[in-house]
Amino acid sequence: SRRVTGVLTVFDASGSGMAVLHDGICQEAVFGKQRDREALDGIVRLRRGVYRFRPSDVASLPPTRGTEDYGYDDDYDD
């Protein structure tokens, strides 16, 4: 499978959210008032709604706090 870099934005009846991806790894997630792992879990559970993926290079991604805050492994060096 292809590992993408960019921003996934989601919208449903309860609100909106986004996930910042770098090489397929989630760096930051927000969904309504939820953040981090809880927000990503909420996005994954969506059954209806609209989404948009905006591919991007690393330099133009929103700043993140770092993968260690989200419980994900860091497979690359900055």
N, C-alpha and C. Protein backbone atom coordinates (compact mmCIF):
# COMPACT_ATOMS: atom_id res chain seq x y z
N SER A 1 0.83 -1.19 0.00
CA SER A 1 0.00 0.00 0.00
C SER A 1 0.87 1.25 0.00
N ARG A 2 0.29 2.33 -0.43
CA ARG A 2 1.00 3.59 -0.55
C ARG A 2 0.91 4.38 0.75
N ARG A 3 2.03 4.92 1.20
CA ARG A 3 2.05 5.74 2.42
C ARG A 3 1.97 7.20 2.00
N VAL A 4 0.93 7.89 2.44
CA VAL A 4 0.68 9.26 2.00
C VAL A 4 1.05 10.28 3.06
N THR A 5 1.29 11.50 2.60
CA THR A 5 1.57 12.64 3.47
C THR A 5 0.57 13.73 3.12
N GLY A 6 -0.10 14.27 4.12
CA GLY A 6 -1.07 15.32 3.89
C GLY A 6 -2.04 15.44 5.04
N VAL A 7 -3.16 16.11 4.77
CA VAL A 7 -4.16 16.36 5.80
C VAL A 7 -5.49 15.76 5.37
N LEU A 8 -6.05 14.89 6.21
CA LEU A 8 -7.37 14.31 6.00
C LEU A 8 -8.35 15.11 6.86
N THR A 9 -9.34 15.71 6.20
CA THR A 9 -10.38 16.47 6.90
C THR A 9 -11.68 15.70 6.78
N VAL A 10 -12.42 15.56 7.88
CA VAL A 10 -13.69 14.83 7.87
C VAL A 10 -14.80 15.71 8.44
N PHE A 11 -16.01 15.52 7.91
CA PHE A 11 -17.18 16.25 8.36
C PHE A 11 -18.33 15.26 8.49
N ASP A 12 -19.06 15.32 9.59
CA ASP A 12 -20.29 14.53 9.72
C ASP A 12 -21.30 15.37 10.50
N ALA A 13 -22.45 14.79 10.79
CA ALA A 13 -23.52 15.53 11.46
C ALA A 13 -23.11 16.05 12.83
N SER A 14 -22.18 15.39 13.49
CA SER A 14 -21.78 15.80 14.84
C SER A 14 -20.64 16.81 14.85
N GLY A 15 -19.99 17.06 13.72
CA GLY A 15 -18.90 18.02 13.70
C GLY A 15 -17.87 17.71 12.65
N SER A 16 -16.66 18.21 12.89
CA SER A 16 -15.59 18.01 11.92
C SER A 16 -14.30 17.66 12.65
N GLY A 17 -13.33 17.20 11.87
CA GLY A 17 -12.04 16.85 12.44
C GLY A 17 -10.99 16.76 11.37
N MET A 18 -9.77 16.49 11.79
CA MET A 18 -8.68 16.35 10.84
C MET A 18 -7.59 15.46 11.42
N ALA A 19 -6.85 14.85 10.50
CA ALA A 19 -5.69 14.04 10.87
C ALA A 19 -4.54 14.44 9.97
N VAL A 20 -3.40 14.73 10.56
CA VAL A 20 -2.19 15.06 9.81
C VAL A 20 -1.38 13.78 9.66
N LEU A 21 -1.09 13.40 8.42
CA LEU A 21 -0.36 12.16 8.13
C LEU A 21 0.99 12.47 7.51
N HIS A 22 2.01 11.73 7.92
CA HIS A 22 3.34 11.81 7.31
C HIS A 22 3.77 10.39 6.99
N ASP A 23 3.95 10.10 5.72
CA ASP A 23 4.28 8.75 5.26
C ASP A 23 3.31 7.71 5.84
N GLY A 24 2.02 8.07 5.89
CA GLY A 24 0.99 7.14 6.35
C GLY A 24 0.84 7.02 7.85
N ILE A 25 1.64 7.74 8.61
CA ILE A 25 1.59 7.68 10.08
C ILE A 25 0.93 8.95 10.60
N CYS A 26 -0.09 8.79 11.44
CA CYS A 26 -0.80 9.93 12.00
C CYS A 26 0.10 10.68 12.99
N GLN A 27 0.28 11.97 12.73
CA GLN A 27 1.10 12.81 13.60
C GLN A 27 0.25 13.60 14.60
N GLU A 28 -0.97 13.94 14.18
CA GLU A 28 -1.87 14.70 15.04
C GLU A 28 -3.30 14.44 14.57
N ALA A 29 -4.23 14.39 15.51
CA ALA A 29 -5.64 14.19 15.16
C ALA A 29 -6.52 15.03 16.09
N VAL A 30 -7.55 15.62 15.50
CA VAL A 30 -8.54 16.39 16.24
C VAL A 30 -9.90 16.03 15.66
N PHE A 31 -10.89 15.77 16.53
CA PHE A 31 -12.25 15.50 16.07
C PHE A 31 -13.19 16.08 17.10
N GLY A 32 -13.87 17.17 16.74
CA GLY A 32 -14.71 17.88 17.72
C GLY A 32 -13.83 18.35 18.87
N LYS A 33 -14.18 17.98 20.09
CA LYS A 33 -13.38 18.36 21.27
C LYS A 33 -12.33 17.32 21.61
N GLN A 34 -12.32 16.21 20.88
CA GLN A 34 -11.36 15.13 21.15
C GLN A 34 -10.02 15.44 20.48
N ARG A 35 -8.96 14.95 21.09
CA ARG A 35 -7.62 15.11 20.53
C ARG A 35 -6.88 13.78 20.60
N ASP A 36 -5.83 13.71 19.81
CA ASP A 36 -4.90 12.60 19.87
C ASP A 36 -5.57 11.26 19.54
N ARG A 37 -5.26 10.23 20.29
CA ARG A 37 -5.75 8.87 20.00
C ARG A 37 -7.28 8.81 20.05
N GLU A 38 -7.89 9.49 21.00
CA GLU A 38 -9.35 9.50 21.12
C GLU A 38 -9.99 10.09 19.85
N ALA A 39 -9.40 11.16 19.31
CA ALA A 39 -9.91 11.78 18.08
C ALA A 39 -9.75 10.84 16.90
N LEU A 40 -8.61 10.20 16.78
CA LEU A 40 -8.38 9.26 15.68
C LEU A 40 -9.36 8.09 15.75
N ASP A 41 -9.61 7.59 16.94
CA ASP A 41 -10.60 6.52 17.11
C ASP A 41 -11.99 6.99 16.68
N GLY A 42 -12.35 8.23 17.01
CA GLY A 42 -13.64 8.79 16.60
C GLY A 42 -13.76 8.91 15.10
N ILE A 43 -12.69 9.32 14.44
CA ILE A 43 -12.69 9.43 12.97
C ILE A 43 -12.85 8.05 12.35
N VAL A 44 -12.15 7.08 12.86
CA VAL A 44 -12.21 5.71 12.31
C VAL A 44 -13.61 5.12 12.44
N ARG A 45 -14.32 5.47 13.50
CA ARG A 45 -15.66 4.91 13.74
C ARG A 45 -16.77 5.57 12.91
N LEU A 46 -16.47 6.66 12.21
CA LEU A 46 -17.50 7.34 11.41
C LEU A 46 -18.08 6.39 10.38
N ARG A 47 -19.39 6.40 10.24
CA ARG A 47 -20.08 5.57 9.25
C ARG A 47 -20.65 6.40 8.11
N ARG A 48 -20.88 7.69 8.35
CA ARG A 48 -21.40 8.60 7.34
C ARG A 48 -20.66 9.91 7.44
N GLY A 49 -20.68 10.66 6.35
CA GLY A 49 -20.04 11.95 6.35
C GLY A 49 -19.29 12.19 5.06
N VAL A 50 -18.52 13.23 5.07
CA VAL A 50 -17.75 13.65 3.90
C VAL A 50 -16.30 13.79 4.32
N TYR A 51 -15.39 13.43 3.45
CA TYR A 51 -13.98 13.61 3.77
C TYR A 51 -13.26 14.24 2.59
N ARG A 52 -12.12 14.84 2.89
CA ARG A 52 -11.25 15.40 1.86
C ARG A 52 -9.82 15.11 2.29
N PHE A 53 -9.02 14.58 1.37
CA PHE A 53 -7.60 14.40 1.64
C PHE A 53 -6.84 15.38 0.78
N ARG A 54 -6.01 16.19 1.42
CA ARG A 54 -5.19 17.17 0.70
C ARG A 54 -3.74 16.72 0.80
N PRO A 55 -3.20 16.13 -0.28
CA PRO A 55 -1.78 15.74 -0.24
C PRO A 55 -0.91 16.97 -0.04
N SER A 56 0.19 16.78 0.62
CA SER A 56 1.06 17.90 0.91
C SER A 56 2.47 17.40 1.13
N ASP A 57 3.43 18.28 0.90
CA ASP A 57 4.79 17.92 1.28
C ASP A 57 4.97 18.25 2.76
N VAL A 58 5.98 17.71 3.36
CA VAL A 58 6.19 17.86 4.80
C VAL A 58 6.33 19.33 5.20
N ALA A 59 6.98 20.15 4.39
CA ALA A 59 7.23 21.54 4.75
C ALA A 59 5.94 22.35 4.90
N SER A 60 4.86 21.96 4.22
CA SER A 60 3.64 22.75 4.27
C SER A 60 2.59 22.19 5.23
N LEU A 61 2.91 21.12 5.96
CA LEU A 61 1.96 20.56 6.92
C LEU A 61 1.85 21.45 8.15
N PRO A 62 0.69 21.43 8.82
CA PRO A 62 0.57 22.18 10.07
C PRO A 62 1.57 21.65 11.10
N PRO A 63 2.06 22.51 11.99
CA PRO A 63 2.99 22.03 13.01
C PRO A 63 2.31 21.03 13.93
N THR A 64 3.07 20.04 14.40
CA THR A 64 2.54 19.05 15.32
C THR A 64 3.42 19.00 16.56
N ARG A 65 2.92 18.34 17.60
CA ARG A 65 3.68 18.26 18.86
C ARG A 65 4.67 17.12 18.86
N GLY A 66 4.60 16.24 17.90
CA GLY A 66 5.51 15.10 17.88
C GLY A 66 4.78 13.81 18.12
N THR A 67 5.26 12.74 17.54
CA THR A 67 4.55 11.47 17.60
C THR A 67 4.56 10.85 18.98
N GLU A 68 5.49 11.20 19.84
CA GLU A 68 5.54 10.58 21.15
C GLU A 68 4.30 10.91 21.99
N ASP A 69 3.63 12.03 21.69
CA ASP A 69 2.43 12.41 22.42
C ASP A 69 1.22 11.56 22.06
N TYR A 70 1.27 10.84 20.95
CA TYR A 70 0.11 10.13 20.44
C TYR A 70 0.25 8.63 20.54
N GLY A 71 1.36 8.13 21.03
CA GLY A 71 1.53 6.70 21.18
C GLY A 71 1.88 5.99 19.89
N TYR A 72 2.40 6.71 18.90
CA TYR A 72 2.78 6.11 17.63
C TYR A 72 4.30 5.99 17.57
N ASP A 73 4.78 5.02 16.83
CA ASP A 73 6.21 4.86 16.64
C ASP A 73 6.70 5.88 15.63
N ASP A 74 7.87 6.41 15.85
CA ASP A 74 8.49 7.37 14.94
C ASP A 74 9.46 6.61 14.05
N ASP A 75 9.07 6.38 12.80
CA ASP A 75 9.89 5.58 11.88
C ASP A 75 10.87 6.41 11.06
N TYR A 76 10.94 7.69 11.29
CA TYR A 76 11.80 8.54 10.47
C TYR A 76 12.48 9.57 11.35
N ASP A 77 13.54 10.15 10.83
CA ASP A 77 14.25 11.21 11.54
C ASP A 77 13.97 12.53 10.86
N ASP A 78 13.74 13.58 11.65
CA ASP A 78 13.52 14.92 11.09
C ASP A 78 14.83 15.59 10.79
